[in-house]
Amino acid sequence: MRISFSENIRVDFMQEAVRLNRMLLRVVCGGSILVELFNIVRVLFFSNSGLSTLNNRLYFGFYVFLAVSCAVFLLTDLLAKLSTRQRYYLHMTAASVVVLWQTVFNIYDIYRSSAVGNITVVTSLVAFSSLVTMRPVYAMCNLWGNYLLFVLSLWRVGSSGEVINFTITAILCAAVYVVRYRHLCTELRQKREIQHMNQELEESRHQFQLSLEQYELIRENEQFVTFEWDIRNRWMRMSKGWEEMFGFPGLIQEFEAFIGTLTELTDEQRREILDCLENVRSGVEHQKLELCLPLKSGGRRWFEVTVIAQADQNGEPAFAIGMLTDIMDKKARLFRLEREVKMDTFTGTFNKAAIETYGERKLQELGSGERLAMFILDMDDFKHINDTYGHPAGDQILKLVADLLWDAAPTGARVGRVGGDEFVVLFVVGDGTDVRRYAEAVVSRVPALQYRGAGVGAGCSIGIALSPAGGSYAQLYETADRALYEAKKRGGNQVFQLGRSLTSAHT
């Protein structure tokens, strides 16, 4: 699963926080243990009253609590096998405990001695905001939580001036922390971006690279035409198969100008080749295109052209090497498969899906004044032919109808079979005259179709519809189908367009 950039930054922050906090907290906790041990000894052995007074017992409790807490932290941090996340939360807990201890201790100290001016918690808050690294939500909770706890306690024994000064200090601590946090996040983001760019650079270096020996080996293979283009000097050197296949010299100076003069290429082919060369010059590392190129012997063949750019030491495109591979057999198989997918093999017409796809596309391509004509042909009483003469006769008549539709069709027409004995024809017209002429010709010729030299009484009905640009295929088909229904309703063997009966040729 790919990790997002922001998630990577969070992970980086946590790792950096652990690195920065580890030594700081170890020194602070180690020093705190030594100081509190000294204080414990001082209370037990050098105090006049020892633990006999409540005040000494409270101080002793403070010292023991901090010393034990720091010892637990050090042992856990040094000995436990923790993940980065677990160690991060351990450090945050340790820092929070130390700051909170200092706040509570200072509150008690002020109440006991009324030494309001001696606010040592300020030192711990400044140190916390300046040195400890944690996420802002935790830092602000610690900072302002201790602030509120101290201010609420100080309010009853201190002056408003001392509260204001402490508030200003807390605000400055928060500002310091925010600046530190933003600076650290910027550093981590820049570091991550640099790592990402270095990774992409390393991957690009490991992409397909040809040594001179490999390139020369491929050049000798007669199954390929290989080439090398010097971008700065603008010459192109080809392998020996190039001249044999295309009749051009193996070394061509000013190759781009040479391509521009080739009358054998179509404008589209010339543009594809020149665009490919321009992409190489712009730094595109890998390209692949298919071209149908003219041969020296006449005719054309399909080739797959693969081009790989090679950069110099400064990373600038310097050379391009590539290969022309004959894919004529592959293309022939592909064309054959596409035709099989699109065609109704029984009648040699387009199948339903193919004719619908063509119609939908053609409707979007209509120009000004153009309309897409559709007529639906349906055989009249086709069941009678199958029942009387047998299904082979019916099959033969359908094939003859398909041939008739193709033979009589205007230029650019598409014929499709959409059902058992139902055909659809699509073609672009201006005023619809070609539709009428075509439909009348088909209706008049279908009765003459024969099976084994004899007529079978074939007949058909045709419904016509015309659609302007922007119409939908479904609407066009529905209109033509309604027209066909009307032709059938009127006795069949005729052409009908809604709003106008074009011809009636009853037999």
Protein backbone atom coordinates (compact mmCIF):
# COMPACT_ATOMS: atom_id res chain seq x y z
CA MET A 1 0.00 0.00 0.00
CA ARG A 2 1.39 3.40 -1.01
CA ILE A 3 1.89 5.81 1.93
CA SER A 4 0.85 9.41 1.31
CA PHE A 5 3.35 12.24 1.45
CA SER A 6 1.73 13.75 4.58
CA GLU A 7 1.84 10.36 6.32
CA ASN A 8 5.53 10.10 5.48
CA ILE A 9 6.09 13.52 7.05
CA ARG A 10 4.32 12.39 10.24
CA VAL A 11 6.53 9.32 10.40
CA ASP A 12 9.63 11.44 9.77
CA PHE A 13 8.57 13.86 12.52
CA MET A 14 8.13 11.06 15.01
CA GLN A 15 11.56 9.61 14.21
CA GLU A 16 13.20 13.03 14.44
CA ALA A 17 11.43 13.77 17.74
CA VAL A 18 12.72 10.50 19.22
CA ARG A 19 16.24 11.34 18.06
CA LEU A 20 16.16 14.86 19.52
CA ASN A 21 14.38 13.99 22.78
CA ARG A 22 16.32 10.85 23.67
CA MET A 23 19.60 12.45 24.78
CA LEU A 24 17.89 15.53 26.23
CA LEU A 25 15.57 13.52 28.47
CA ARG A 26 18.29 11.09 29.49
CA VAL A 27 20.46 14.01 30.67
CA VAL A 28 17.53 15.75 32.38
CA CYS A 29 16.33 12.60 34.12
CA GLY A 30 19.82 11.50 35.07
CA GLY A 31 20.57 14.94 36.52
CA SER A 32 17.21 15.00 38.29
CA ILE A 33 17.95 11.66 39.96
CA LEU A 34 21.27 12.95 41.29
CA VAL A 35 19.73 16.21 42.54
CA GLU A 36 16.78 14.47 44.20
CA LEU A 37 19.02 11.86 45.84
CA PHE A 38 21.03 14.71 47.31
CA ASN A 39 17.79 16.33 48.54
CA ILE A 40 16.57 13.03 50.01
CA VAL A 41 19.85 12.59 51.91
CA ARG A 42 19.70 16.22 53.03
CA VAL A 43 16.18 15.78 54.44
CA LEU A 44 16.96 12.47 56.14
CA PHE A 45 20.35 13.19 57.66
CA PHE A 46 21.08 16.91 57.65
CA SER A 47 17.72 18.40 58.53
CA ASN A 48 17.10 19.32 62.17
CA SER A 49 13.64 17.80 62.23
CA GLY A 50 14.06 14.98 59.67
CA LEU A 51 10.71 13.47 58.68
CA SER A 52 9.01 14.51 61.89
CA THR A 53 7.36 17.56 60.32
CA LEU A 54 4.63 17.53 57.66
CA ASN A 55 6.54 20.04 55.54
CA ASN A 56 9.67 17.83 55.40
CA ARG A 57 7.59 14.79 54.63
CA LEU A 58 5.92 16.60 51.71
CA TYR A 59 9.28 17.77 50.33
CA PHE A 60 10.63 14.26 50.78
CA GLY A 61 7.65 12.89 48.84
CA PHE A 62 8.30 15.32 45.98
CA TYR A 63 11.96 14.27 45.82
CA VAL A 64 11.23 10.55 45.93
CA PHE A 65 8.48 10.78 43.31
CA LEU A 66 10.66 12.61 40.77
CA ALA A 67 13.69 10.38 41.40
CA VAL A 68 11.66 7.19 41.00
CA SER A 69 9.85 8.52 37.90
CA CYS A 70 13.12 9.45 36.22
CA ALA A 71 14.68 6.10 37.14
CA VAL A 72 11.71 4.23 35.65
CA PHE A 73 12.02 6.28 32.46
CA LEU A 74 15.76 5.66 32.12
CA LEU A 75 15.44 1.93 32.69
CA THR A 76 12.58 1.64 30.21
CA ASP A 77 14.31 3.78 27.58
CA LEU A 78 17.64 1.97 27.91
CA LEU A 79 16.51 -1.63 28.33
CA ALA A 80 13.05 -2.07 26.75
CA LYS A 81 12.74 -2.99 23.06
CA LEU A 82 10.30 -0.33 21.91
CA SER A 83 9.10 0.74 18.49
CA THR A 84 9.65 4.30 17.35
CA ARG A 85 6.02 5.16 18.11
CA GLN A 86 6.18 3.63 21.61
CA ARG A 87 9.46 5.40 22.38
CA TYR A 88 7.96 8.69 21.14
CA TYR A 89 5.03 8.40 23.55
CA LEU A 90 7.40 7.38 26.37
CA HIS A 91 9.41 10.56 25.83
CA MET A 92 6.29 12.72 25.73
CA THR A 93 5.11 11.18 28.99
CA ALA A 94 8.47 11.73 30.67
CA ALA A 95 8.62 15.39 29.57
CA SER A 96 5.04 15.99 30.73
CA VAL A 97 5.73 14.44 34.15
CA VAL A 98 8.87 16.54 34.70
CA VAL A 99 7.12 19.81 33.76
CA LEU A 100 4.02 18.99 35.80
CA TRP A 101 6.18 18.04 38.81
CA GLN A 102 8.00 21.36 38.58
CA THR A 103 4.70 23.26 38.43
CA VAL A 104 3.17 21.51 41.44
CA PHE A 105 6.42 21.76 43.39
CA ASN A 106 6.69 25.48 42.71
CA ILE A 107 3.05 26.02 43.73
CA TYR A 108 3.68 24.29 47.08
CA ASP A 109 6.93 26.17 47.55
CA ILE A 110 5.18 29.52 47.01
CA TYR A 111 2.35 28.70 49.41
CA ARG A 112 4.75 27.43 52.06
CA SER A 113 7.17 30.39 51.95
CA SER A 114 5.02 33.08 50.30
CA ALA A 115 7.94 33.60 47.91
CA VAL A 116 5.75 34.70 44.99
CA GLY A 117 8.60 36.36 43.17
CA ASN A 118 10.51 33.10 43.02
CA ILE A 119 8.59 31.49 40.12
CA THR A 120 10.98 28.74 39.03
CA VAL A 121 8.31 27.04 36.90
CA VAL A 122 9.02 29.69 34.27
CA THR A 123 12.39 28.08 33.69
CA SER A 124 10.86 24.67 33.11
CA LEU A 125 8.26 26.06 30.67
CA VAL A 126 10.89 27.96 28.69
CA ALA A 127 13.09 24.87 28.56
CA PHE A 128 10.14 22.72 27.56
CA SER A 129 9.12 24.97 24.64
CA SER A 130 12.72 25.49 23.52
CA LEU A 131 14.11 21.96 23.77
CA VAL A 132 11.43 19.25 23.84
CA THR A 133 10.01 18.11 20.46
CA MET A 134 6.45 16.81 20.26
CA ARG A 135 3.32 17.38 18.18
CA PRO A 136 1.64 20.78 18.76
CA VAL A 137 -1.53 19.36 20.31
CA TYR A 138 0.48 17.67 23.08
CA ALA A 139 2.85 20.59 23.51
CA MET A 140 0.03 23.13 23.84
CA CYS A 141 -1.85 20.89 26.29
CA ASN A 142 1.26 20.69 28.50
CA LEU A 143 2.11 24.37 28.21
CA TRP A 144 -1.35 25.82 28.81
CA GLY A 145 -2.41 23.11 31.25
CA ASN A 146 0.52 23.96 33.52
CA TYR A 147 -0.11 27.67 32.95
CA LEU A 148 -3.74 27.43 34.09
CA LEU A 149 -2.85 25.25 37.05
CA PHE A 150 -0.20 27.72 38.18
CA VAL A 151 -2.22 30.89 37.54
CA LEU A 152 -5.27 29.59 39.40
CA SER A 153 -3.01 28.80 42.37
CA LEU A 154 -1.02 32.03 42.13
CA TRP A 155 -4.14 34.22 41.89
CA ARG A 156 -4.86 33.95 45.60
CA VAL A 157 -1.36 34.80 46.84
CA GLY A 158 0.21 36.80 44.00
CA SER A 159 -0.42 40.18 42.44
CA SER A 160 -2.03 40.91 39.08
CA GLY A 161 1.32 42.12 37.78
CA GLU A 162 2.96 38.76 38.48
CA VAL A 163 0.05 36.97 36.75
CA ILE A 164 0.39 39.24 33.73
CA ASN A 165 4.15 38.69 33.54
CA PHE A 166 3.68 34.94 33.78
CA THR A 167 1.00 35.07 31.05
CA ILE A 168 3.33 36.99 28.74
CA THR A 169 6.03 34.40 29.39
CA ALA A 170 3.63 31.55 28.54
CA ILE A 171 2.60 33.27 25.29
CA LEU A 172 6.25 33.72 24.33
CA CYS A 173 6.90 30.04 25.12
CA ALA A 174 4.01 29.03 22.85
CA ALA A 175 5.32 31.28 20.05
CA VAL A 176 8.80 29.81 20.40
CA TYR A 177 7.41 26.29 20.16
CA VAL A 178 5.30 27.06 17.08
CA VAL A 179 8.30 28.56 15.29
CA ARG A 180 10.44 25.54 16.20
CA TYR A 181 7.74 23.13 15.04
CA ARG A 182 7.20 24.84 11.69
CA HIS A 183 10.93 25.05 11.08
CA LEU A 184 11.35 21.34 11.82
CA CYS A 185 8.43 20.37 9.55
CA THR A 186 9.90 22.47 6.72
CA GLU A 187 13.24 20.71 7.11
CA LEU A 188 11.58 17.29 7.11
CA ARG A 189 9.46 18.13 4.05
CA GLN A 190 12.48 19.36 2.12
CA LYS A 191 14.44 16.27 3.15
CA ARG A 192 11.60 14.00 2.01
CA GLU A 193 11.34 15.83 -1.33
CA ILE A 194 15.08 15.49 -1.88
CA GLN A 195 14.89 11.77 -1.09
CA HIS A 196 11.97 11.40 -3.50
CA MET A 197 13.84 13.18 -6.29
CA ASN A 198 16.96 11.10 -5.66
CA GLN A 199 14.87 7.94 -5.80
CA GLU A 200 13.32 8.96 -9.11
CA LEU A 201 16.77 9.82 -10.47
CA GLU A 202 18.13 6.46 -9.37
CA GLU A 203 15.20 4.63 -10.96
CA SER A 204 15.69 6.52 -14.23
CA ARG A 205 19.35 5.54 -14.24
CA HIS A 206 18.40 1.89 -13.92
CA GLN A 207 16.03 2.06 -16.88
CA PHE A 208 16.91 0.51 -20.18
CA GLN A 209 20.51 1.47 -21.09
CA LEU A 210 22.47 -0.01 -24.01
CA SER A 211 26.22 -0.35 -23.96
CA LEU A 212 28.08 0.14 -27.24
CA GLU A 213 28.64 -3.63 -27.48
CA GLN A 214 24.94 -4.40 -26.96
CA TYR A 215 23.92 -1.76 -29.46
CA GLU A 216 26.32 -3.03 -32.13
CA LEU A 217 25.12 -6.60 -31.52
CA ILE A 218 21.52 -5.58 -32.15
CA ARG A 219 22.56 -3.58 -35.23
CA GLU A 220 23.85 -6.77 -36.80
CA ASN A 221 20.48 -8.53 -36.33
CA GLU A 222 18.68 -8.46 -39.67
CA GLN A 223 15.28 -8.88 -38.00
CA PHE A 224 15.42 -5.29 -36.74
CA VAL A 225 16.28 -1.87 -38.09
CA THR A 226 18.13 0.06 -35.40
CA PHE A 227 19.15 3.70 -35.42
CA GLU A 228 21.19 6.23 -33.51
CA TRP A 229 20.36 9.96 -33.56
CA ASP A 230 22.93 12.56 -32.56
CA ILE A 231 20.74 15.38 -31.25
CA ARG A 232 23.37 18.12 -31.30
CA ASN A 233 24.88 17.27 -34.68
CA ARG A 234 21.48 16.23 -36.09
CA TRP A 235 22.59 13.12 -38.00
CA MET A 236 20.94 9.72 -37.98
CA ARG A 237 22.82 6.46 -38.47
CA MET A 238 20.85 3.33 -39.40
CA SER A 239 21.64 -0.39 -39.39
CA LYS A 240 22.12 -2.23 -42.69
CA GLY A 241 18.51 -3.39 -42.90
CA TRP A 242 17.38 0.23 -43.37
CA GLU A 243 18.79 0.66 -46.87
CA GLU A 244 17.62 -2.78 -47.98
CA MET A 245 14.09 -2.17 -46.72
CA PHE A 246 13.52 1.50 -47.52
CA GLY A 247 16.20 2.37 -50.09
CA PHE A 248 17.72 5.29 -48.20
CA PRO A 249 21.40 5.69 -47.15
CA GLY A 250 22.48 4.43 -43.74
CA LEU A 251 23.83 7.84 -42.64
CA ILE A 252 21.53 10.82 -43.04
CA GLN A 253 22.63 14.36 -42.19
CA GLU A 254 19.95 16.83 -41.02
CA PHE A 255 17.47 14.02 -40.41
CA GLU A 256 14.56 16.27 -39.49
CA ALA A 257 14.88 18.18 -42.76
CA PHE A 258 15.10 14.85 -44.57
CA ILE A 259 11.80 13.68 -43.06
CA GLY A 260 10.16 16.95 -44.15
CA THR A 261 11.05 16.27 -47.80
CA LEU A 262 9.72 12.68 -47.98
CA THR A 263 6.70 12.76 -50.27
CA GLU A 264 6.13 9.05 -49.58
CA LEU A 265 4.92 9.91 -46.06
CA THR A 266 1.47 11.27 -45.29
CA ASP A 267 1.20 14.55 -43.38
CA GLU A 268 0.06 12.64 -40.28
CA GLN A 269 3.02 10.24 -40.43
CA ARG A 270 5.46 13.11 -40.93
CA ARG A 271 3.96 14.94 -37.95
CA GLU A 272 4.18 11.84 -35.71
CA ILE A 273 7.88 11.34 -36.52
CA LEU A 274 8.80 15.01 -36.04
CA ASP A 275 6.83 15.15 -32.77
CA CYS A 276 8.74 12.09 -31.56
CA LEU A 277 12.08 13.77 -32.35
CA GLU A 278 10.99 16.95 -30.60
CA ASN A 279 9.97 14.93 -27.53
CA VAL A 280 13.47 13.41 -27.44
CA ARG A 281 15.00 16.87 -27.59
CA SER A 282 12.70 17.96 -24.74
CA GLY A 283 13.87 15.14 -22.49
CA VAL A 284 11.18 12.46 -22.92
CA GLU A 285 13.09 9.28 -22.10
CA HIS A 286 10.98 6.57 -23.72
CA GLN A 287 8.53 6.61 -26.63
CA LYS A 288 6.73 4.03 -28.71
CA LEU A 289 4.59 4.54 -31.81
CA GLU A 290 3.22 2.51 -34.71
CA LEU A 291 3.68 3.65 -38.33
CA CYS A 292 2.63 2.24 -41.69
CA LEU A 293 5.69 3.06 -43.82
CA PRO A 294 6.30 2.81 -47.60
CA LEU A 295 8.81 0.14 -48.68
CA LYS A 296 11.51 0.23 -51.36
CA SER A 297 9.82 -2.70 -53.12
CA GLY A 298 6.44 -0.95 -53.15
CA GLY A 299 3.50 -1.25 -50.81
CA ARG A 300 3.50 -0.47 -47.11
CA ARG A 301 4.15 -2.34 -43.90
CA TRP A 302 3.41 -1.65 -40.25
CA PHE A 303 6.37 -1.02 -37.93
CA GLU A 304 6.62 -0.42 -34.20
CA VAL A 305 9.13 2.35 -33.48
CA THR A 306 10.77 2.39 -30.04
CA VAL A 307 12.92 5.41 -29.12
CA ILE A 308 15.01 5.81 -25.96
CA ALA A 309 16.79 9.06 -25.11
CA GLN A 310 20.32 9.01 -23.71
CA ALA A 311 21.51 11.93 -21.53
CA ASP A 312 25.02 13.33 -21.16
CA GLN A 313 26.85 13.85 -17.86
CA ASN A 314 24.88 17.06 -17.26
CA GLY A 315 21.56 15.27 -17.68
CA GLU A 316 20.86 16.93 -21.05
CA PRO A 317 19.52 14.79 -23.97
CA ALA A 318 22.47 13.99 -26.23
CA PHE A 319 21.58 10.84 -28.18
CA ALA A 320 18.57 8.76 -29.02
CA ILE A 321 18.72 5.10 -29.92
CA GLY A 322 15.86 3.07 -31.18
CA MET A 323 14.50 0.17 -33.15
CA LEU A 324 12.00 -0.46 -35.95
CA THR A 325 10.25 -3.80 -35.56
CA ASP A 326 8.10 -5.29 -38.32
CA ILE A 327 4.62 -5.87 -36.82
CA MET A 328 2.75 -6.54 -40.08
CA ASP A 329 1.75 -10.06 -39.00
CA LYS A 330 0.64 -8.74 -35.63
CA LYS A 331 -1.40 -5.99 -37.28
CA ALA A 332 -2.98 -8.44 -39.73
CA ARG A 333 -4.06 -10.67 -36.85
CA LEU A 334 -5.38 -7.65 -34.99
CA PHE A 335 -7.35 -6.40 -37.99
CA ARG A 336 -8.73 -9.89 -38.52
CA LEU A 337 -9.78 -10.17 -34.88
CA GLU A 338 -11.36 -6.72 -34.94
CA ARG A 339 -13.30 -7.64 -38.06
CA GLU A 340 -14.45 -10.90 -36.50
CA VAL A 341 -15.60 -9.04 -33.40
CA LYS A 342 -17.49 -6.44 -35.42
CA MET A 343 -18.96 -8.59 -38.19
CA ASP A 344 -21.92 -10.91 -38.37
CA THR A 345 -20.11 -13.81 -40.01
CA PHE A 346 -23.32 -15.37 -41.34
CA THR A 347 -24.35 -12.43 -43.55
CA GLY A 348 -21.08 -10.47 -43.84
CA THR A 349 -22.65 -7.36 -42.27
CA PHE A 350 -21.78 -5.51 -39.07
CA ASN A 351 -23.21 -7.01 -35.90
CA LYS A 352 -25.59 -5.15 -33.61
CA ALA A 353 -22.93 -3.77 -31.24
CA ALA A 354 -20.70 -2.57 -34.09
CA ILE A 355 -23.48 -0.79 -36.00
CA GLU A 356 -24.68 0.92 -32.81
CA THR A 357 -21.16 2.08 -31.99
CA TYR A 358 -20.74 3.43 -35.51
CA GLY A 359 -24.08 5.23 -35.34
CA GLU A 360 -23.33 6.89 -31.98
CA ARG A 361 -19.94 8.07 -33.21
CA LYS A 362 -21.25 9.29 -36.56
CA LEU A 363 -23.98 11.36 -34.93
CA GLN A 364 -21.30 13.32 -33.06
CA GLU A 365 -19.26 13.86 -36.25
CA LEU A 366 -22.03 15.31 -38.46
CA GLY A 367 -21.22 18.62 -40.08
CA SER A 368 -23.43 21.58 -40.93
CA GLY A 369 -26.32 20.53 -43.16
CA GLU A 370 -25.61 16.81 -42.72
CA ARG A 371 -28.04 14.26 -41.33
CA LEU A 372 -27.61 10.60 -40.43
CA ALA A 373 -30.10 8.40 -42.25
CA MET A 374 -31.22 5.09 -40.83
CA PHE A 375 -33.53 2.58 -42.32
CA ILE A 376 -34.60 -0.64 -40.71
CA LEU A 377 -35.41 -3.50 -43.07
CA ASP A 378 -37.52 -6.39 -41.84
CA MET A 379 -38.55 -9.35 -44.00
CA ASP A 380 -42.30 -9.78 -44.59
CA ASP A 381 -43.69 -13.13 -43.45
CA PHE A 382 -40.21 -14.64 -43.30
CA LYS A 383 -41.57 -17.57 -41.29
CA HIS A 384 -43.53 -18.62 -44.38
CA ILE A 385 -40.27 -19.06 -46.32
CA ASN A 386 -38.70 -21.18 -43.56
CA ASP A 387 -41.83 -23.31 -43.15
CA THR A 388 -42.41 -23.79 -46.90
CA TYR A 389 -38.91 -24.14 -48.31
CA GLY A 390 -36.90 -25.01 -45.21
CA HIS A 391 -34.39 -23.12 -43.11
CA PRO A 392 -31.57 -23.46 -45.69
CA ALA A 393 -33.77 -21.45 -48.06
CA GLY A 394 -34.36 -18.82 -45.39
CA ASP A 395 -30.62 -18.60 -44.67
CA GLN A 396 -29.87 -18.20 -48.37
CA ILE A 397 -32.43 -15.40 -48.74
CA LEU A 398 -30.93 -13.52 -45.74
CA LYS A 399 -27.47 -13.70 -47.31
CA LEU A 400 -28.85 -12.46 -50.62
CA VAL A 401 -30.62 -9.57 -48.86
CA ALA A 402 -27.34 -8.61 -47.14
CA ASP A 403 -25.53 -8.70 -50.51
CA LEU A 404 -28.29 -6.59 -52.04
CA LEU A 405 -28.01 -4.02 -49.27
CA TRP A 406 -24.26 -3.74 -49.77
CA ASP A 407 -24.47 -3.64 -53.58
CA ALA A 408 -27.09 -0.91 -53.71
CA ALA A 409 -25.74 1.11 -50.75
CA PRO A 410 -24.48 4.67 -51.26
CA THR A 411 -20.81 5.42 -50.67
CA GLY A 412 -19.91 5.35 -47.01
CA ALA A 413 -22.98 3.36 -45.91
CA ARG A 414 -22.78 0.76 -43.14
CA VAL A 415 -25.02 -2.32 -43.14
CA GLY A 416 -25.70 -4.21 -39.93
CA ARG A 417 -27.79 -7.18 -38.88
CA VAL A 418 -29.53 -6.49 -35.56
CA GLY A 419 -31.88 -9.47 -35.37
CA GLY A 420 -32.89 -12.68 -37.11
CA ASP A 421 -34.26 -11.12 -40.33
CA GLU A 422 -33.82 -7.45 -39.41
CA PHE A 423 -31.14 -5.21 -40.90
CA VAL A 424 -30.10 -1.62 -40.20
CA VAL A 425 -28.41 0.67 -42.72
CA LEU A 426 -26.72 3.96 -41.75
CA PHE A 427 -25.27 6.67 -43.99
CA VAL A 428 -24.84 10.43 -44.08
CA VAL A 429 -27.15 12.43 -46.37
CA GLY A 430 -28.03 16.01 -47.18
CA ASP A 431 -31.72 16.21 -48.04
CA GLY A 432 -32.73 12.56 -47.81
CA THR A 433 -33.03 11.91 -51.58
CA ASP A 434 -30.48 9.10 -51.47
CA VAL A 435 -32.49 7.40 -48.73
CA ARG A 436 -35.63 7.26 -50.86
CA ARG A 437 -33.81 6.05 -53.96
CA TYR A 438 -31.88 3.40 -52.04
CA ALA A 439 -34.92 2.14 -50.10
CA GLU A 440 -37.10 1.95 -53.22
CA ALA A 441 -34.41 -0.02 -55.05
CA VAL A 442 -34.11 -2.55 -52.24
CA VAL A 443 -37.86 -3.04 -51.83
CA SER A 444 -38.34 -3.52 -55.56
CA ARG A 445 -35.51 -6.08 -55.91
CA VAL A 446 -36.13 -8.30 -52.87
CA PRO A 447 -39.16 -10.13 -54.45
CA ALA A 448 -36.89 -11.29 -57.28
CA LEU A 449 -34.54 -13.20 -54.93
CA GLN A 450 -34.46 -16.93 -55.63
CA TYR A 451 -33.48 -20.16 -53.95
CA ARG A 452 -32.20 -22.92 -56.26
CA GLY A 453 -33.43 -21.05 -59.31
CA ALA A 454 -36.97 -20.41 -58.09
CA GLY A 455 -38.66 -17.51 -56.34
CA VAL A 456 -39.78 -17.97 -52.76
CA GLY A 457 -42.13 -14.99 -52.44
CA ALA A 458 -39.67 -12.85 -50.47
CA GLY A 459 -40.66 -9.35 -49.50
CA CYS A 460 -39.57 -6.69 -47.06
CA SER A 461 -40.67 -3.50 -45.36
CA ILE A 462 -38.46 -0.51 -44.57
CA GLY A 463 -38.86 2.23 -41.96
CA ILE A 464 -36.83 5.42 -42.43
CA ALA A 465 -35.61 8.05 -39.96
CA LEU A 466 -33.30 11.05 -40.31
CA SER A 467 -31.41 12.55 -37.40
CA PRO A 468 -29.62 15.94 -37.24
CA ALA A 469 -26.29 16.44 -35.49
CA GLY A 470 -26.48 16.03 -31.74
CA GLY A 471 -29.34 13.50 -31.76
CA SER A 472 -29.08 10.15 -30.04
CA TYR A 473 -28.85 6.73 -31.63
CA ALA A 474 -31.66 5.42 -29.42
CA GLN A 475 -34.02 8.15 -30.62
CA LEU A 476 -33.08 7.56 -34.24
CA TYR A 477 -33.67 3.83 -33.92
CA GLU A 478 -37.01 4.34 -32.16
CA THR A 479 -38.25 6.65 -34.95
CA ALA A 480 -37.17 4.24 -37.70
CA ASP A 481 -38.77 1.32 -35.84
CA ARG A 482 -42.08 3.19 -35.58
CA ALA A 483 -41.92 3.89 -39.31
CA LEU A 484 -41.25 0.18 -39.95
CA TYR A 485 -44.25 -0.73 -37.81
CA GLU A 486 -46.42 1.60 -39.89
CA ALA A 487 -45.13 0.04 -43.14
CA LYS A 488 -46.01 -3.41 -41.78
CA LYS A 489 -49.42 -2.17 -40.64
CA ARG A 490 -50.18 -0.90 -44.15
CA GLY A 491 -49.58 -4.30 -45.69
CA GLY A 492 -45.80 -4.53 -45.96
CA ASN A 493 -43.57 -4.57 -49.01
CA GLN A 494 -43.18 -0.81 -48.83
CA VAL A 495 -41.08 2.04 -47.52
CA PHE A 496 -42.45 4.39 -44.90
CA GLN A 497 -41.15 7.48 -43.17
CA LEU A 498 -43.24 9.01 -40.41
CA GLY A 499 -45.23 11.86 -41.91
CA ARG A 500 -44.75 10.61 -45.47
CA SER A 501 -45.33 7.34 -47.33
CA LEU A 502 -42.51 7.32 -49.86
CA THR A 503 -43.63 4.44 -52.02
CA SER A 504 -46.03 1.54 -52.05
CA ALA A 505 -44.89 -1.39 -54.16
CA HIS A 506 -47.21 -4.19 -53.24
CA THR A 507 -46.63 -7.46 -55.03
